[in-house]
Amino acid sequence: SLQMDVLKPEDTAVYYCNADILVRAISYNYKRVYWGQ
């Protein structure tokens, strides 16, 4: 989460979530960076 207080006009933007995830596959795991919409 991102709690944003005392917001300013210069904070106007599209905000994206980013996560470095270790993903479970059938017989192995892999790591990938995911972005929100």
Full PDB file with SEQRES, HELIX, SHEET, SSBOND, CRYST1, ORIGX, SCALE, CONECT and MASTER records, all heavy atoms in Angstrom:
SEQRES   1 A   37  SER LEU GLN MET ASP VAL LEU LYS PRO GLU ASP THR ALA          
SEQRES   2 A   37  VAL TYR TYR CYS ASN ALA ASP ILE LEU VAL ARG ALA ILE          
SEQRES   3 A   37  SER TYR ASN TYR LYS ARG VAL TYR TRP GLY GLN                  
HELIX    1 AA1 PRO A    9  ASP A   11  5                                   3    
SHEET    1 AA1 2 ASN A  18  ARG A  24  0                                        
SHEET    2 AA1 2 ASN A  29  TRP A  35 -1                                        
CRYST1    1.000    1.000    1.000  90.00  90.00  90.00 P 1           1          
ORIGX1      1.000000  0.000000  0.000000        0.00000                         
ORIGX2      0.000000  1.000000  0.000000        0.00000                         
ORIGX3      0.000000  0.000000  1.000000        0.00000                         
SCALE1      1.000000  0.000000  0.000000        0.00000                         
SCALE2      0.000000  1.000000  0.000000        0.00000                         
SCALE3      0.000000  0.000000  1.000000        0.00000                         
ATOM      1  N   SER A   1       0.833  -1.191   0.000  1.00  0.00           N  
ATOM      2  CA  SER A   1       0.000   0.000   0.000  1.00  0.00           C  
ATOM      3  C   SER A   1       0.868   1.242   0.000  1.00  0.00           C  
ATOM      4  O   SER A   1       2.026   1.216   0.416  1.00  0.00           O  
ATOM      5  CB  SER A   1      -0.923   0.018   1.218  1.00  0.00           C  
ATOM      6  OG  SER A   1      -1.819  -1.070   1.204  1.00  0.00           O  
ATOM      7  N   LEU A   2       0.280   2.319  -0.462  1.00  0.00           N  
ATOM      8  CA  LEU A   2       0.941   3.618  -0.440  1.00  0.00           C  
ATOM      9  C   LEU A   2      -0.038   4.632   0.121  1.00  0.00           C  
ATOM     10  O   LEU A   2      -1.022   4.975  -0.537  1.00  0.00           O  
ATOM     11  CB  LEU A   2       1.402   4.030  -1.840  1.00  0.00           C  
ATOM     12  CG  LEU A   2       2.214   5.315  -1.922  1.00  0.00           C  
ATOM     13  CD1 LEU A   2       3.595   5.118  -1.277  1.00  0.00           C  
ATOM     14  CD2 LEU A   2       2.373   5.769  -3.369  1.00  0.00           C  
ATOM     15  N   GLN A   3       0.218   5.068   1.329  1.00  0.00           N  
ATOM     16  CA  GLN A   3      -0.577   6.120   1.950  1.00  0.00           C  
ATOM     17  C   GLN A   3       0.014   7.458   1.545  1.00  0.00           C  
ATOM     18  O   GLN A   3       1.179   7.744   1.836  1.00  0.00           O  
ATOM     19  CB  GLN A   3      -0.581   5.974   3.468  1.00  0.00           C  
ATOM     20  CG  GLN A   3      -1.343   7.067   4.204  1.00  0.00           C  
ATOM     21  CD  GLN A   3      -2.825   7.026   3.930  1.00  0.00           C  
ATOM     22  OE1 GLN A   3      -3.426   5.957   3.913  1.00  0.00           O  
ATOM     23  NE2 GLN A   3      -3.420   8.192   3.704  1.00  0.00           N  
ATOM     24  N   MET A   4      -0.775   8.268   0.878  1.00  0.00           N  
ATOM     25  CA  MET A   4      -0.314   9.547   0.357  1.00  0.00           C  
ATOM     26  C   MET A   4      -1.042  10.667   1.081  1.00  0.00           C  
ATOM     27  O   MET A   4      -2.261  10.805   0.964  1.00  0.00           O  
ATOM     28  CB  MET A   4      -0.552   9.636  -1.149  1.00  0.00           C  
ATOM     29  CG  MET A   4       0.097   8.503  -1.940  1.00  0.00           C  
ATOM     30  SD  MET A   4      -0.081   8.694  -3.734  1.00  0.00           S  
ATOM     31  CE  MET A   4      -1.859   8.522  -3.888  1.00  0.00           C  
ATOM     32  N   ASP A   5      -0.295  11.454   1.826  1.00  0.00           N  
ATOM     33  CA  ASP A   5      -0.839  12.573   2.574  1.00  0.00           C  
ATOM     34  C   ASP A   5      -0.240  13.881   2.061  1.00  0.00           C  
ATOM     35  O   ASP A   5       0.824  13.902   1.443  1.00  0.00           O  
ATOM     36  CB  ASP A   5      -0.547  12.426   4.065  1.00  0.00           C  
ATOM     37  CG  ASP A   5      -1.171  11.196   4.683  1.00  0.00           C  
ATOM     38  OD1 ASP A   5      -2.331  10.880   4.349  1.00  0.00           O  
ATOM     39  OD2 ASP A   5      -0.496  10.542   5.512  1.00  0.00           O  
ATOM     40  N   VAL A   6      -0.916  14.967   2.354  1.00  0.00           N  
ATOM     41  CA  VAL A   6      -0.492  16.299   1.941  1.00  0.00           C  
ATOM     42  C   VAL A   6      -0.166  16.296   0.447  1.00  0.00           C  
ATOM     43  O   VAL A   6       0.919  16.713   0.018  1.00  0.00           O  
ATOM     44  CB  VAL A   6       0.714  16.794   2.767  1.00  0.00           C  
ATOM     45  CG1 VAL A   6       0.858  18.316   2.638  1.00  0.00           C  
ATOM     46  CG2 VAL A   6       0.572  16.429   4.236  1.00  0.00           C  
ATOM     47  N   LEU A   7      -1.098  15.829  -0.329  1.00  0.00           N  
ATOM     48  CA  LEU A   7      -0.884  15.715  -1.764  1.00  0.00           C  
ATOM     49  C   LEU A   7      -0.754  17.080  -2.420  1.00  0.00           C  
ATOM     50  O   LEU A   7      -1.398  18.049  -2.020  1.00  0.00           O  
ATOM     51  CB  LEU A   7      -2.023  14.931  -2.399  1.00  0.00           C  
ATOM     52  CG  LEU A   7      -1.926  13.414  -2.211  1.00  0.00           C  
ATOM     53  CD1 LEU A   7      -3.268  12.757  -2.447  1.00  0.00           C  
ATOM     54  CD2 LEU A   7      -0.869  12.836  -3.143  1.00  0.00           C  
ATOM     55  N   LYS A   8       0.083  17.125  -3.434  1.00  0.00           N  
ATOM     56  CA  LYS A   8       0.355  18.336  -4.191  1.00  0.00           C  
ATOM     57  C   LYS A   8       0.002  18.117  -5.654  1.00  0.00           C  
ATOM     58  O   LYS A   8       0.019  16.982  -6.132  1.00  0.00           O  
ATOM     59  CB  LYS A   8       1.833  18.715  -4.076  1.00  0.00           C  
ATOM     60  CG  LYS A   8       2.336  18.903  -2.661  1.00  0.00           C  
ATOM     61  CD  LYS A   8       3.839  19.162  -2.647  1.00  0.00           C  
ATOM     62  CE  LYS A   8       4.360  19.342  -1.237  1.00  0.00           C  
ATOM     63  NZ  LYS A   8       5.829  19.579  -1.221  1.00  0.00           N  
ATOM     64  N   PRO A   9      -0.292  19.182  -6.383  1.00  0.00           N  
ATOM     65  CA  PRO A   9      -0.586  19.014  -7.817  1.00  0.00           C  
ATOM     66  C   PRO A   9       0.525  18.291  -8.570  1.00  0.00           C  
ATOM     67  O   PRO A   9       0.231  17.548  -9.513  1.00  0.00           O  
ATOM     68  CB  PRO A   9      -0.748  20.457  -8.308  1.00  0.00           C  
ATOM     69  CG  PRO A   9      -1.254  21.193  -7.118  1.00  0.00           C  
ATOM     70  CD  PRO A   9      -0.530  20.571  -5.946  1.00  0.00           C  
ATOM     71  N   GLU A  10       1.760  18.489  -8.177  1.00  0.00           N  
ATOM     72  CA  GLU A  10       2.863  17.819  -8.843  1.00  0.00           C  
ATOM     73  C   GLU A  10       2.915  16.316  -8.580  1.00  0.00           C  
ATOM     74  O   GLU A  10       3.721  15.609  -9.192  1.00  0.00           O  
ATOM     75  CB  GLU A  10       4.209  18.460  -8.468  1.00  0.00           C  
ATOM     76  CG  GLU A  10       4.393  18.674  -6.984  1.00  0.00           C  
ATOM     77  CD  GLU A  10       4.046  20.087  -6.536  1.00  0.00           C  
ATOM     78  OE1 GLU A  10       2.979  20.591  -6.927  1.00  0.00           O  
ATOM     79  OE2 GLU A  10       4.846  20.690  -5.789  1.00  0.00           O  
ATOM     80  N   ASP A  11       2.068  15.823  -7.692  1.00  0.00           N  
ATOM     81  CA  ASP A  11       1.944  14.384  -7.490  1.00  0.00           C  
ATOM     82  C   ASP A  11       1.049  13.733  -8.537  1.00  0.00           C  
ATOM     83  O   ASP A  11       0.952  12.504  -8.580  1.00  0.00           O  
ATOM     84  CB  ASP A  11       1.385  14.074  -6.096  1.00  0.00           C  
ATOM     85  CG  ASP A  11       2.334  14.483  -4.982  1.00  0.00           C  
ATOM     86  OD1 ASP A  11       3.552  14.260  -5.116  1.00  0.00           O  
ATOM     87  OD2 ASP A  11       1.841  15.022  -3.962  1.00  0.00           O  
ATOM     88  N   THR A  12       0.392  14.530  -9.346  1.00  0.00           N  
ATOM     89  CA  THR A  12      -0.493  14.003 -10.375  1.00  0.00           C  
ATOM     90  C   THR A  12       0.284  13.129 -11.351  1.00  0.00           C  
ATOM     91  O   THR A  12       1.276  13.562 -11.937  1.00  0.00           O  
ATOM     92  CB  THR A  12      -1.180  15.144 -11.128  1.00  0.00           C  
ATOM     93  OG1 THR A  12      -2.025  15.869 -10.232  1.00  0.00           O  
ATOM     94  CG2 THR A  12      -2.025  14.609 -12.278  1.00  0.00           C  
ATOM     95  N   ALA A  13      -0.172  11.899 -11.518  1.00  0.00           N  
ATOM     96  CA  ALA A  13       0.511  10.943 -12.375  1.00  0.00           C  
ATOM     97  C   ALA A  13      -0.278   9.648 -12.395  1.00  0.00           C  
ATOM     98  O   ALA A  13      -1.223   9.464 -11.629  1.00  0.00           O  
ATOM     99  CB  ALA A  13       1.934  10.671 -11.875  1.00  0.00           C  
ATOM    100  N   VAL A  14       0.127   8.755 -13.276  1.00  0.00           N  
ATOM    101  CA  VAL A  14      -0.332   7.384 -13.216  1.00  0.00           C  
ATOM    102  C   VAL A  14       0.622   6.626 -12.311  1.00  0.00           C  
ATOM    103  O   VAL A  14       1.843   6.664 -12.511  1.00  0.00           O  
ATOM    104  CB  VAL A  14      -0.389   6.724 -14.605  1.00  0.00           C  
ATOM    105  CG1 VAL A  14      -0.812   5.266 -14.487  1.00  0.00           C  
ATOM    106  CG2 VAL A  14      -1.349   7.483 -15.505  1.00  0.00           C  
ATOM    107  N   TYR A  15       0.085   5.962 -11.329  1.00  0.00           N  
ATOM    108  CA  TYR A  15       0.884   5.224 -10.369  1.00  0.00           C  
ATOM    109  C   TYR A  15       0.830   3.734 -10.673  1.00  0.00           C  
ATOM    110  O   TYR A  15      -0.242   3.168 -10.885  1.00  0.00           O  
ATOM    111  CB  TYR A  15       0.386   5.488  -8.945  1.00  0.00           C  
ATOM    112  CG  TYR A  15       0.784   6.843  -8.421  1.00  0.00           C  
ATOM    113  CD1 TYR A  15       0.224   8.001  -8.941  1.00  0.00           C  
ATOM    114  CD2 TYR A  15       1.741   6.970  -7.416  1.00  0.00           C  
ATOM    115  CE1 TYR A  15       0.608   9.249  -8.476  1.00  0.00           C  
ATOM    116  CE2 TYR A  15       2.121   8.212  -6.944  1.00  0.00           C  
ATOM    117  CZ  TYR A  15       1.553   9.350  -7.480  1.00  0.00           C  
ATOM    118  OH  TYR A  15       1.932  10.592  -7.008  1.00  0.00           O  
ATOM    119  N   TYR A  16       2.000   3.110 -10.671  1.00  0.00           N  
ATOM    120  CA  TYR A  16       2.131   1.705 -11.012  1.00  0.00           C  
ATOM    121  C   TYR A  16       2.715   0.914  -9.855  1.00  0.00           C  
ATOM    122  O   TYR A  16       3.709   1.323  -9.255  1.00  0.00           O  
ATOM    123  CB  TYR A  16       3.045   1.516 -12.225  1.00  0.00           C  
ATOM    124  CG  TYR A  16       2.549   2.159 -13.496  1.00  0.00           C  
ATOM    125  CD1 TYR A  16       2.901   3.463 -13.824  1.00  0.00           C  
ATOM    126  CD2 TYR A  16       1.738   1.453 -14.380  1.00  0.00           C  
ATOM    127  CE1 TYR A  16       2.456   4.055 -14.998  1.00  0.00           C  
ATOM    128  CE2 TYR A  16       1.295   2.036 -15.550  1.00  0.00           C  
ATOM    129  CZ  TYR A  16       1.656   3.337 -15.855  1.00  0.00           C  
ATOM    130  OH  TYR A  16       1.218   3.910 -17.021  1.00  0.00           O  
ATOM    131  N   CYS A  17       2.127  -0.204  -9.594  1.00  0.00           N  
ATOM    132  CA  CYS A  17       2.667  -1.147  -8.630  1.00  0.00           C  
ATOM    133  C   CYS A  17       3.681  -2.050  -9.312  1.00  0.00           C  
ATOM    134  O   CYS A  17       3.512  -2.437 -10.475  1.00  0.00           O  
ATOM    135  CB  CYS A  17       1.534  -1.982  -8.031  1.00  0.00           C  
ATOM    136  SG  CYS A  17       2.045  -3.201  -6.814  1.00  0.00           S  
ATOM    137  N   ASN A  18       4.728  -2.387  -8.601  1.00  0.00           N  
ATOM    138  CA  ASN A  18       5.801  -3.223  -9.115  1.00  0.00           C  
ATOM    139  C   ASN A  18       6.139  -4.283  -8.074  1.00  0.00           C  
ATOM    140  O   ASN A  18       6.222  -3.983  -6.883  1.00  0.00           O  
ATOM    141  CB  ASN A  18       7.024  -2.347  -9.424  1.00  0.00           C  
ATOM    142  CG  ASN A  18       8.265  -3.138  -9.777  1.00  0.00           C  
ATOM    143  OD1 ASN A  18       8.961  -3.628  -8.882  1.00  0.00           O  
ATOM    144  ND2 ASN A  18       8.552  -3.235 -11.059  1.00  0.00           N  
ATOM    145  N   ALA A  19       6.328  -5.516  -8.534  1.00  0.00           N  
ATOM    146  CA  ALA A  19       6.640  -6.599  -7.603  1.00  0.00           C  
ATOM    147  C   ALA A  19       7.567  -7.605  -8.247  1.00  0.00           C  
ATOM    148  O   ALA A  19       7.328  -8.045  -9.376  1.00  0.00           O  
ATOM    149  CB  ALA A  19       5.360  -7.295  -7.137  1.00  0.00           C  
ATOM    150  N   ASP A  20       8.610  -7.958  -7.533  1.00  0.00           N  
ATOM    151  CA  ASP A  20       9.571  -8.970  -7.972  1.00  0.00           C  
ATOM    152  C   ASP A  20       9.128 -10.290  -7.347  1.00  0.00           C  
ATOM    153  O   ASP A  20       9.305 -10.500  -6.150  1.00  0.00           O  
ATOM    154  CB  ASP A  20      10.975  -8.580  -7.542  1.00  0.00           C  
ATOM    155  CG  ASP A  20      12.051  -9.468  -8.123  1.00  0.00           C  
ATOM    156  OD1 ASP A  20      11.745 -10.307  -8.988  1.00  0.00           O  
ATOM    157  OD2 ASP A  20      13.218  -9.310  -7.708  1.00  0.00           O  
ATOM    158  N   ILE A  21       8.595 -11.181  -8.170  1.00  0.00           N  
ATOM    159  CA  ILE A  21       7.875 -12.350  -7.672  1.00  0.00           C  
ATOM    160  C   ILE A  21       8.556 -13.643  -8.079  1.00  0.00           C  
ATOM    161  O   ILE A  21       8.916 -13.831  -9.248  1.00  0.00           O  
ATOM    162  CB  ILE A  21       6.421 -12.349  -8.175  1.00  0.00           C  
ATOM    163  CG1 ILE A  21       5.706 -11.085  -7.687  1.00  0.00           C  
ATOM    164  CG2 ILE A  21       5.689 -13.599  -7.708  1.00  0.00           C  
ATOM    165  CD1 ILE A  21       4.305 -10.924  -8.221  1.00  0.00           C  
ATOM    166  N   LEU A  22       8.713 -14.534  -7.122  1.00  0.00           N  
ATOM    167  CA  LEU A  22       9.119 -15.904  -7.402  1.00  0.00           C  
ATOM    168  C   LEU A  22       7.850 -16.698  -7.651  1.00  0.00           C  
ATOM    169  O   LEU A  22       7.012 -16.861  -6.762  1.00  0.00           O  
ATOM    170  CB  LEU A  22       9.914 -16.483  -6.230  1.00  0.00           C  
ATOM    171  CG  LEU A  22      10.467 -17.900  -6.416  1.00  0.00           C  
ATOM    172  CD1 LEU A  22      11.483 -17.946  -7.544  1.00  0.00           C  
ATOM    173  CD2 LEU A  22      11.098 -18.407  -5.122  1.00  0.00           C  
ATOM    174  N   VAL A  23       7.717 -17.197  -8.880  1.00  0.00           N  
ATOM    175  CA  VAL A  23       6.495 -17.842  -9.331  1.00  0.00           C  
ATOM    176  C   VAL A  23       6.663 -19.354  -9.315  1.00  0.00           C  
ATOM    177  O   VAL A  23       7.691 -19.880  -9.748  1.00  0.00           O  
ATOM    178  CB  VAL A  23       6.129 -17.374 -10.753  1.00  0.00           C  
ATOM    179  CG1 VAL A  23       4.825 -18.016 -11.212  1.00  0.00           C  
ATOM    180  CG2 VAL A  23       6.024 -15.860 -10.800  1.00  0.00           C  
ATOM    181  N   ARG A  24       5.645 -20.032  -8.846  1.00  0.00           N  
ATOM    182  CA  ARG A  24       5.657 -21.495  -8.816  1.00  0.00           C  
ATOM    183  C   ARG A  24       5.128 -22.053 -10.138  1.00  0.00           C  
ATOM    184  O   ARG A  24       4.009 -21.741 -10.563  1.00  0.00           O  
ATOM    185  CB  ARG A  24       4.813 -22.016  -7.662  1.00  0.00           C  
ATOM    186  CG  ARG A  24       4.678 -23.541  -7.643  1.00  0.00           C  
ATOM    187  CD  ARG A  24       3.861 -24.030  -6.461  1.00  0.00           C  
ATOM    188  NE  ARG A  24       2.546 -23.427  -6.421  1.00  0.00           N  
ATOM    189  CZ  ARG A  24       1.494 -23.809  -7.145  1.00  0.00           C  
ATOM    190  NH1 ARG A  24       1.621 -24.832  -8.002  1.00  0.00           N  
ATOM    191  NH2 ARG A  24       0.328 -23.194  -7.031  1.00  0.00           N  
ATOM    192  N   ALA A  25       5.927 -22.901 -10.770  1.00  0.00           N  
ATOM    193  CA  ALA A  25       5.516 -23.644 -11.949  1.00  0.00           C  
ATOM    194  C   ALA A  25       5.344 -25.112 -11.570  1.00  0.00           C  
ATOM    195  O   ALA A  25       5.462 -25.483 -10.397  1.00  0.00           O  
ATOM    196  CB  ALA A  25       6.525 -23.472 -13.075  1.00  0.00           C  
ATOM    197  N   ILE A  26       5.081 -25.953 -12.555  1.00  0.00           N  
ATOM    198  CA  ILE A  26       4.802 -27.360 -12.269  1.00  0.00           C  
ATOM    199  C   ILE A  26       5.986 -28.056 -11.614  1.00  0.00           C  
ATOM    200  O   ILE A  26       5.842 -28.760 -10.601  1.00  0.00           O  
ATOM    201  CB  ILE A  26       4.386 -28.099 -13.550  1.00  0.00           C  
ATOM    202  CG1 ILE A  26       3.060 -27.531 -14.070  1.00  0.00           C  
ATOM    203  CG2 ILE A  26       4.245 -29.596 -13.290  1.00  0.00           C  
ATOM    204  CD1 ILE A  26       2.613 -28.129 -15.383  1.00  0.00           C  
ATOM    205  N   SER A  27       7.180 -27.879 -12.179  1.00  0.00           N  
ATOM    206  CA  SER A  27       8.347 -28.589 -11.669  1.00  0.00           C  
ATOM    207  C   SER A  27       9.516 -27.668 -11.324  1.00  0.00           C  
ATOM    208  O   SER A  27      10.606 -28.147 -11.014  1.00  0.00           O  
ATOM    209  CB  SER A  27       8.810 -29.639 -12.685  1.00  0.00           C  
ATOM    210  OG  SER A  27       9.160 -29.048 -13.913  1.00  0.00           O  
ATOM    211  N   TYR A  28       9.295 -26.379 -11.370  1.00  0.00           N  
ATOM    212  CA  TYR A  28      10.349 -25.436 -11.067  1.00  0.00           C  
ATOM    213  C   TYR A  28       9.744 -24.083 -10.711  1.00  0.00           C  
ATOM    214  O   TYR A  28       8.548 -23.859 -10.914  1.00  0.00           O  
ATOM    215  CB  TYR A  28      11.301 -25.275 -12.257  1.00  0.00           C  
ATOM    216  CG  TYR A  28      10.644 -24.677 -13.483  1.00  0.00           C  
ATOM    217  CD1 TYR A  28      10.789 -23.332 -13.787  1.00  0.00           C  
ATOM    218  CD2 TYR A  28       9.870 -25.468 -14.330  1.00  0.00           C  
ATOM    219  CE1 TYR A  28      10.179 -22.783 -14.898  1.00  0.00           C  
ATOM    220  CE2 TYR A  28       9.255 -24.925 -15.440  1.00  0.00           C  
ATOM    221  CZ  TYR A  28       9.413 -23.582 -15.718  1.00  0.00           C  
ATOM    222  OH  TYR A  28       8.803 -23.042 -16.830  1.00  0.00           O  
ATOM    223  N   ASN A  29      10.552 -23.218 -10.191  1.00  0.00           N  
ATOM    224  CA  ASN A  29      10.145 -21.848  -9.905  1.00  0.00           C  
ATOM    225  C   ASN A  29      10.951 -20.882 -10.764  1.00  0.00           C  
ATOM    226  O   ASN A  29      12.071 -21.181 -11.168  1.00  0.00           O  
ATOM    227  CB  ASN A  29      10.352 -21.510  -8.425  1.00  0.00           C  
ATOM    228  CG  ASN A  29       9.561 -22.404  -7.506  1.00  0.00           C  
ATOM    229  OD1 ASN A  29       8.487 -22.890  -7.858  1.00  0.00           O  
ATOM    230  ND2 ASN A  29      10.089 -22.618  -6.301  1.00  0.00           N  
ATOM    231  N   TYR A  30      10.365 -19.740 -11.042  1.00  0.00           N  
ATOM    232  CA  TYR A  30      11.079 -18.722 -11.781  1.00  0.00           C  
ATOM    233  C   TYR A  30      10.725 -17.345 -11.231  1.00  0.00           C  
ATOM    234  O   TYR A  30       9.657 -17.150 -10.653  1.00  0.00           O  
ATOM    235  CB  TYR A  30      10.782 -18.805 -13.278  1.00  0.00           C  
ATOM    236  CG  TYR A  30       9.339 -18.553 -13.656  1.00  0.00           C  
ATOM    237  CD1 TYR A  30       8.902 -17.283 -14.005  1.00  0.00           C  
ATOM    238  CD2 TYR A  30       8.422 -19.597 -13.686  1.00  0.00           C  
ATOM    239  CE1 TYR A  30       7.584 -17.061 -14.362  1.00  0.00           C  
ATOM    240  CE2 TYR A  30       7.108 -19.380 -14.038  1.00  0.00           C  
ATOM    241  CZ  TYR A  30       6.691 -18.107 -14.380  1.00  0.00           C  
ATOM    242  OH  TYR A  30       5.379 -17.892 -14.735  1.00  0.00           O  
ATOM    243  N   LYS A  31      11.622 -16.404 -11.429  1.00  0.00           N  
ATOM    244  CA  LYS A  31      11.451 -15.069 -10.896  1.00  0.00           C  
ATOM    245  C   LYS A  31      11.167 -14.084 -12.022  1.00  0.00           C  
ATOM    246  O   LYS A  31      11.801 -14.123 -13.074  1.00  0.00           O  
ATOM    247  CB  LYS A  31      12.697 -14.636 -10.121  1.00  0.00           C  
ATOM    248  CG  LYS A  31      12.441 -13.550  -9.096  1.00  0.00           C  
ATOM    249  CD  LYS A  31      13.654 -13.346  -8.198  1.00  0.00           C  
ATOM    250  CE  LYS A  31      13.337 -12.404  -7.056  1.00  0.00           C  
ATOM    251  NZ  LYS A  31      14.517 -12.152  -6.213  1.00  0.00           N  
ATOM    252  N   ARG A  32      10.227 -13.201 -11.764  1.00  0.00           N  
ATOM    253  CA  ARG A  32       9.829 -12.241 -12.772  1.00  0.00           C  
ATOM    254  C   ARG A  32       9.316 -10.968 -12.106  1.00  0.00           C  
ATOM    255  O   ARG A  32       8.691 -11.020 -11.046  1.00  0.00           O  
ATOM    256  CB  ARG A  32       8.743 -12.837 -13.672  1.00  0.00           C  
ATOM    257  CG  ARG A  32       8.211 -11.888 -14.726  1.00  0.00           C  
ATOM    258  CD  ARG A  32       7.121 -12.550 -15.542  1.00  0.00           C  
ATOM    259  NE  ARG A  32       6.427 -11.600 -16.383  1.00  0.00           N  
ATOM    260  CZ  ARG A  32       5.389 -11.881 -17.149  1.00  0.00           C  
ATOM    261  NH1 ARG A  32       4.914 -13.117 -17.192  1.00  0.00           N  
ATOM    262  NH2 ARG A  32       4.824 -10.934 -17.882  1.00  0.00           N  
ATOM    263  N   VAL A  33       9.586  -9.838 -12.736  1.00  0.00           N  
ATOM    264  CA  VAL A  33       9.062  -8.566 -12.271  1.00  0.00           C  
ATOM    265  C   VAL A  33       7.709  -8.319 -12.925  1.00  0.00           C  
ATOM    266  O   VAL A  33       7.575  -8.372 -14.152  1.00  0.00           O  
ATOM    267  CB  VAL A  33      10.026  -7.414 -12.589  1.00  0.00           C  
ATOM    268  CG1 VAL A  33       9.409  -6.079 -12.186  1.00  0.00           C  
ATOM    269  CG2 VAL A  33      11.353  -7.615 -11.879  1.00  0.00           C  
ATOM    270  N   TYR A  34       6.712  -8.031 -12.103  1.00  0.00           N  
ATOM    271  CA  TYR A  34       5.369  -7.777 -12.585  1.00  0.00           C  
ATOM    272  C   TYR A  34       4.993  -6.326 -12.339  1.00  0.00           C  
ATOM    273  O   TYR A  34       5.390  -5.726 -11.329  1.00  0.00           O  
ATOM    274  CB  TYR A  34       4.359  -8.684 -11.883  1.00  0.00           C  
ATOM    275  CG  TYR A  34       4.423 -10.122 -12.313  1.00  0.00           C  
ATOM    276  CD1 TYR A  34       5.332 -10.997 -11.729  1.00  0.00           C  
ATOM    277  CD2 TYR A  34       3.588 -10.617 -13.304  1.00  0.00           C  
ATOM    278  CE1 TYR A  34       5.403 -12.316 -12.129  1.00  0.00           C  
ATOM    279  CE2 TYR A  34       3.645 -11.938 -13.706  1.00  0.00           C  
ATOM    280  CZ  TYR A  34       4.553 -12.783 -13.117  1.00  0.00           C  
ATOM    281  OH  TYR A  34       4.615 -14.097 -13.515  1.00  0.00           O  
ATOM    282  N   TRP A  35       4.216  -5.798 -13.260  1.00  0.00           N  
ATOM    283  CA  TRP A  35       3.703  -4.442 -13.160  1.00  0.00           C  
ATOM    284  C   TRP A  35       2.183  -4.467 -13.145  1.00  0.00           C  
ATOM    285  O   TRP A  35       1.547  -5.237 -13.867  1.00  0.00           O  
ATOM    286  CB  TRP A  35       4.154  -3.591 -14.344  1.00  0.00           C  
ATOM    287  CG  TRP A  35       5.619  -3.282 -14.349  1.00  0.00           C  
ATOM    288  CD1 TRP A  35       6.622  -4.020 -14.904  1.00  0.00           C  
ATOM    289  CD2 TRP A  35       6.245  -2.130 -13.778  1.00  0.00           C  
ATOM    290  NE1 TRP A  35       7.831  -3.406 -14.710  1.00  0.00           N  
ATOM    291  CE2 TRP A  35       7.630  -2.245 -14.028  1.00  0.00           C  
ATOM    292  CE3 TRP A  35       5.767  -1.016 -13.086  1.00  0.00           C  
ATOM    293  CZ2 TRP A  35       8.543  -1.279 -13.604  1.00  0.00           C  
ATOM    294  CZ3 TRP A  35       6.678  -0.064 -12.662  1.00  0.00           C  
ATOM    295  CH2 TRP A  35       8.046  -0.199 -12.927  1.00  0.00           C  
ATOM    296  N   GLY A  36       1.613  -3.611 -12.343  1.00  0.00           N  
ATOM    297  CA  GLY A  36       0.181  -3.425 -12.379  1.00  0.00           C  
ATOM    298  C   GLY A  36      -0.224  -2.599 -13.584  1.00  0.00           C  
ATOM    299  O   GLY A  36       0.614  -2.098 -14.346  1.00  0.00           O  
ATOM    300  N   GLN A  37      -1.518  -2.451 -13.758  1.00  0.00           N  
ATOM    301  CA  GLN A  37      -2.041  -1.747 -14.923  1.00  0.00           C  
ATOM    302  C   GLN A  37      -1.958  -0.232 -14.799  1.00  0.00           C  
ATOM    303  O   GLN A  37      -2.118   0.478 -15.791  1.00  0.00           O  
ATOM    304  CB  GLN A  37      -3.503  -2.163 -15.156  1.00  0.00           C  
ATOM    305  CG  GLN A  37      -4.524  -1.519 -14.217  1.00  0.00           C  
ATOM    306  CD  GLN A  37      -4.548  -2.110 -12.821  1.00  0.00           C  
ATOM    307  OE1 GLN A  37      -3.848  -3.059 -12.515  1.00  0.00           O  
ATOM    308  NE2 GLN A  37      -5.381  -1.529 -11.949  1.00  0.00           N  
TER     309      GLN A  37                                                      
MASTER        0    0    0    1    2    0    0    6  308    1    0    3          
END                                                                             
